[in-house]
Amino acid sequence: AERYLAYFQSFSNTYAPLERLREVFSQAFELPEVAGIVVGTRPDCIDGPKLDYFARLAETRYVAIEYGIESCYDATLRSVNRGHDFACARRAVEMTSERGIRTGAHFILGLPGETPAMMEASVDAINSLALDTVKFHQLQLFRGTTMAAQYAADPGRFRFFSRDEYVDFFIGLLERLRPDLVVERFASEAPPRFQAGPTWGLVRNEQLWSLLERRLEQRGTWQGRLYV
């Protein structure tokens, strides 16, 4: 590779005032090998003037904005203290897409209170969003967090998939997912020593992708097969 995308991933990268954002992102483009930026943020940390700035950048460079939506259900978003509802996420996606900016979203499968049926039903809401890319991953609990304490107090509220269960479950979602949506991630891995709940052990993302591809071939299915 000779050119790269600068990925502003951690935290909410549009939270600062617009003047500060201009300073930060202009520094990335001072590097000749940077061809564009990918900006991770929250739906409630964006507004028209900031999106207008990104739209101007996108006229000559690669620009993508990824929103951490996490769930399509307001009750879930409240319970995990996200600070925004799904309507806020929809508005952010629409405002971004209508300006011609590549738009992505992130969702967690297995948040407390959500049943497999609820997660399956959320595919329709995801399909209705003006997204170019989407990322999924299974719920993972990290030591020292509020959710880890909630799990210790009431583990019955949580639904953890085994690795094989998750792959099979995700294929069911993938079959109904819009075929034009680029799935950039379907699962994630973190070292077991950091986790407070059940883990898949030491598994790498490339192993998960290989497992997914093999299962798709075995079942003779593909993304969007059941999309209507």
Protein backbone atom coordinates (compact mmCIF):
# COMPACT_ATOMS: atom_id res chain seq x y z
CA ALA A 1 0.00 0.00 0.00
CA GLU A 2 1.19 3.49 -0.83
CA ARG A 3 -1.75 5.60 0.36
CA TYR A 4 -3.84 5.30 3.49
CA LEU A 5 -7.04 6.39 5.23
CA ALA A 6 -6.54 8.12 8.58
CA TYR A 7 -9.03 6.44 10.94
CA PHE A 8 -10.23 8.59 13.83
CA GLN A 9 -11.83 5.72 15.72
CA SER A 10 -11.79 6.08 19.49
CA PHE A 11 -14.22 8.35 21.33
CA SER A 12 -16.48 10.93 19.61
CA ASN A 13 -14.42 12.65 16.95
CA THR A 14 -16.87 15.43 16.13
CA TYR A 15 -17.45 16.51 19.73
CA ALA A 16 -15.09 19.51 19.55
CA PRO A 17 -16.04 22.90 18.07
CA LEU A 18 -15.76 23.16 14.30
CA GLU A 19 -12.65 25.34 14.51
CA ARG A 20 -10.85 22.61 16.45
CA LEU A 21 -12.01 19.93 14.03
CA ARG A 22 -10.58 21.88 11.11
CA GLU A 23 -7.21 21.97 12.87
CA VAL A 24 -7.20 18.25 13.60
CA PHE A 25 -8.31 16.95 10.22
CA SER A 26 -6.18 19.40 8.23
CA GLN A 27 -3.13 17.94 9.97
CA ALA A 28 -4.00 14.49 8.63
CA PHE A 29 -4.13 15.80 5.08
CA GLU A 30 -0.69 17.41 5.43
CA LEU A 31 0.71 13.89 5.05
CA PRO A 32 1.03 13.06 1.33
CA GLU A 33 0.29 9.38 1.89
CA VAL A 34 -3.12 10.14 3.49
CA ALA A 35 -5.81 9.79 0.82
CA GLY A 36 -8.79 10.37 3.11
CA ILE A 37 -10.27 10.16 6.57
CA VAL A 38 -12.73 7.92 8.37
CA VAL A 39 -14.34 9.62 11.36
CA GLY A 40 -16.04 7.68 14.14
CA THR A 41 -18.55 9.59 16.25
CA ARG A 42 -21.99 9.59 17.87
CA PRO A 43 -25.30 10.63 16.30
CA ASP A 44 -25.77 13.37 18.90
CA CYS A 45 -22.34 14.91 18.24
CA ILE A 46 -22.97 16.19 14.72
CA ASP A 47 -24.70 19.21 13.19
CA GLY A 48 -25.22 20.94 9.87
CA PRO A 49 -22.13 23.21 9.89
CA LYS A 50 -19.83 20.30 10.75
CA LEU A 51 -21.35 18.14 8.03
CA ASP A 52 -21.03 21.01 5.54
CA TYR A 53 -17.31 21.09 6.36
CA PHE A 54 -16.95 17.35 5.77
CA ALA A 55 -18.94 17.65 2.54
CA ARG A 56 -16.47 20.24 1.23
CA LEU A 57 -13.61 17.92 2.09
CA ALA A 58 -15.40 15.06 0.34
CA GLU A 59 -15.44 16.96 -2.94
CA THR A 60 -11.74 16.22 -3.43
CA ARG A 61 -10.89 13.52 -0.85
CA TYR A 62 -12.24 10.30 0.56
CA VAL A 63 -14.37 11.11 3.62
CA ALA A 64 -16.50 8.66 5.60
CA ILE A 65 -18.35 9.17 8.87
CA GLU A 66 -19.26 6.20 11.07
CA TYR A 67 -21.95 6.52 13.73
CA GLY A 68 -22.10 4.36 16.82
CA ILE A 69 -25.82 3.56 16.81
CA GLU A 70 -25.52 0.20 18.64
CA SER A 71 -29.26 -0.62 18.77
CA CYS A 72 -32.48 0.23 16.96
CA TYR A 73 -34.50 0.08 20.20
CA ASP A 74 -34.91 3.16 22.39
CA ALA A 75 -35.41 1.06 25.53
CA THR A 76 -32.03 -0.58 24.95
CA LEU A 77 -30.33 2.74 24.23
CA ARG A 78 -31.70 4.13 27.49
CA SER A 79 -30.67 1.08 29.49
CA VAL A 80 -27.05 1.29 28.31
CA ASN A 81 -26.96 5.08 28.78
CA ARG A 82 -26.22 5.94 25.16
CA GLY A 83 -27.64 9.45 25.54
CA HIS A 84 -29.51 9.43 22.22
CA ASP A 85 -32.50 7.65 20.70
CA PHE A 86 -32.88 5.90 17.35
CA ALA A 87 -34.62 8.92 15.82
CA CYS A 88 -31.48 10.95 16.54
CA ALA A 89 -29.40 8.30 14.77
CA ARG A 90 -31.70 8.30 11.75
CA ARG A 91 -31.48 12.10 11.47
CA ALA A 92 -27.67 12.01 11.66
CA VAL A 93 -27.47 9.36 8.95
CA GLU A 94 -29.88 11.23 6.68
CA MET A 95 -28.08 14.56 7.14
CA THR A 96 -24.77 12.93 6.30
CA SER A 97 -25.91 10.90 3.32
CA GLU A 98 -27.83 13.76 1.69
CA ARG A 99 -24.58 15.74 1.58
CA GLY A 100 -22.89 13.01 -0.42
CA ILE A 101 -20.66 11.85 2.44
CA ARG A 102 -20.00 8.12 2.79
CA THR A 103 -22.00 7.02 5.80
CA GLY A 104 -21.48 4.04 8.09
CA ALA A 105 -22.99 2.69 11.31
CA HIS A 106 -22.05 0.32 14.08
CA PHE A 107 -24.34 -2.10 15.94
CA ILE A 108 -23.85 -4.47 18.88
CA LEU A 109 -25.66 -7.81 18.87
CA GLY A 110 -26.64 -9.18 22.28
CA LEU A 111 -27.19 -6.06 24.36
CA PRO A 112 -29.10 -6.83 27.58
CA GLY A 113 -32.85 -7.01 27.14
CA GLU A 114 -32.76 -7.79 23.42
CA THR A 115 -33.94 -11.22 22.31
CA PRO A 116 -32.76 -12.95 19.13
CA ALA A 117 -36.16 -12.11 17.59
CA MET A 118 -35.64 -8.43 18.37
CA MET A 119 -32.18 -8.49 16.83
CA GLU A 120 -33.56 -10.17 13.71
CA ALA A 121 -36.32 -7.57 13.44
CA SER A 122 -33.76 -4.75 13.65
CA VAL A 123 -32.49 -5.68 10.18
CA ASP A 124 -35.52 -3.97 8.64
CA ALA A 125 -34.65 -0.73 10.46
CA ILE A 126 -31.01 -0.99 9.39
CA ASN A 127 -32.05 -1.57 5.78
CA SER A 128 -34.15 1.59 5.89
CA LEU A 129 -31.16 3.78 6.81
CA ALA A 130 -29.22 5.61 4.09
CA LEU A 131 -26.00 3.74 4.88
CA ASP A 132 -23.08 2.75 2.69
CA THR A 133 -21.32 0.58 5.26
CA VAL A 134 -22.19 -1.25 8.45
CA LYS A 135 -20.24 -2.93 11.25
CA PHE A 136 -21.56 -5.50 13.73
CA HIS A 137 -20.04 -7.22 16.67
CA GLN A 138 -21.10 -9.48 19.48
CA LEU A 139 -21.54 -8.13 23.00
CA GLN A 140 -18.31 -8.25 25.01
CA LEU A 141 -18.04 -7.15 28.63
CA PHE A 142 -14.90 -5.44 29.86
CA ARG A 143 -13.66 -5.60 33.42
CA GLY A 144 -14.29 -2.56 35.58
CA THR A 145 -17.23 -1.24 33.58
CA THR A 146 -20.78 -0.51 34.73
CA MET A 147 -22.15 -3.23 32.47
CA ALA A 148 -19.75 -5.78 33.94
CA ALA A 149 -21.15 -4.95 37.38
CA GLN A 150 -24.69 -5.32 36.03
CA TYR A 151 -23.80 -8.72 34.64
CA ALA A 152 -22.36 -9.84 37.98
CA ALA A 153 -25.56 -8.75 39.73
CA ASP A 154 -28.03 -10.24 37.22
CA PRO A 155 -26.43 -12.50 34.57
CA GLY A 156 -29.86 -13.68 33.39
CA ARG A 157 -30.43 -10.37 31.61
CA PHE A 158 -27.56 -11.08 29.22
CA ARG A 159 -27.51 -13.23 26.11
CA PHE A 160 -24.06 -14.42 25.03
CA PHE A 161 -23.55 -16.41 21.85
CA SER A 162 -20.98 -19.12 21.45
CA ARG A 163 -18.77 -18.53 18.43
CA ASP A 164 -20.58 -21.07 16.25
CA GLU A 165 -24.00 -19.89 17.41
CA TYR A 166 -23.10 -16.34 16.56
CA VAL A 167 -21.88 -17.16 13.05
CA ASP A 168 -25.08 -19.10 12.28
CA PHE A 169 -27.24 -16.35 13.79
CA PHE A 170 -25.42 -13.67 11.83
CA ILE A 171 -25.93 -15.53 8.56
CA GLY A 172 -29.68 -15.27 9.19
CA LEU A 173 -29.31 -11.50 9.50
CA LEU A 174 -27.01 -11.29 6.50
CA GLU A 175 -29.53 -13.07 4.28
CA ARG A 176 -32.03 -10.26 4.95
CA LEU A 177 -29.55 -7.40 4.82
CA ARG A 178 -29.61 -5.07 1.81
CA PRO A 179 -27.20 -6.52 -0.77
CA ASP A 180 -25.60 -3.12 -1.50
CA LEU A 181 -24.59 -2.53 2.14
CA VAL A 182 -20.87 -3.16 2.62
CA VAL A 183 -20.33 -5.19 5.79
CA GLU A 184 -16.97 -4.03 7.10
CA ARG A 185 -17.09 -6.16 10.25
CA PHE A 186 -19.39 -8.85 11.59
CA ALA A 187 -17.61 -9.74 14.84
CA SER A 188 -14.73 -8.56 16.96
CA GLU A 189 -12.12 -10.02 19.25
CA ALA A 190 -10.57 -8.77 22.47
CA PRO A 191 -8.06 -10.55 24.71
CA PRO A 192 -9.92 -12.71 27.28
CA ARG A 193 -7.92 -11.15 30.12
CA PHE A 194 -9.83 -7.90 29.60
CA GLN A 195 -13.29 -9.47 29.55
CA ALA A 196 -15.73 -10.01 32.40
CA GLY A 197 -18.19 -12.31 30.63
CA PRO A 198 -18.00 -15.46 28.49
CA THR A 199 -15.36 -15.23 25.75
CA TRP A 200 -14.44 -17.04 22.55
CA GLY A 201 -10.85 -17.40 23.66
CA LEU A 202 -7.95 -16.25 21.53
CA VAL A 203 -9.55 -15.97 18.09
CA ARG A 204 -8.46 -13.57 15.35
CA ASN A 205 -10.71 -11.65 12.98
CA GLU A 206 -9.30 -13.43 9.94
CA GLN A 207 -10.32 -16.76 11.52
CA LEU A 208 -13.86 -15.47 12.01
CA TRP A 209 -14.09 -14.30 8.40
CA SER A 210 -12.88 -17.69 7.18
CA LEU A 211 -15.47 -19.45 9.33
CA LEU A 212 -18.26 -17.19 8.02
CA GLU A 213 -17.27 -17.72 4.39
CA ARG A 214 -17.12 -21.49 4.89
CA ARG A 215 -20.58 -21.58 6.50
CA LEU A 216 -22.06 -19.45 3.72
CA GLU A 217 -20.68 -21.85 1.13
CA GLN A 218 -21.94 -24.89 3.06
CA ARG A 219 -25.44 -23.40 3.29
CA GLY A 220 -25.42 -22.11 -0.29
CA THR A 221 -26.49 -18.65 0.77
CA TRP A 222 -25.33 -15.03 0.54
CA GLN A 223 -26.00 -11.48 1.70
CA GLY A 224 -29.41 -10.25 0.59
CA ARG A 225 -30.76 -13.65 -0.48
CA LEU A 226 -33.99 -13.03 1.42
CA TYR A 227 -34.04 -9.25 1.08
CA VAL A 228 -37.33 -7.88 -0.25
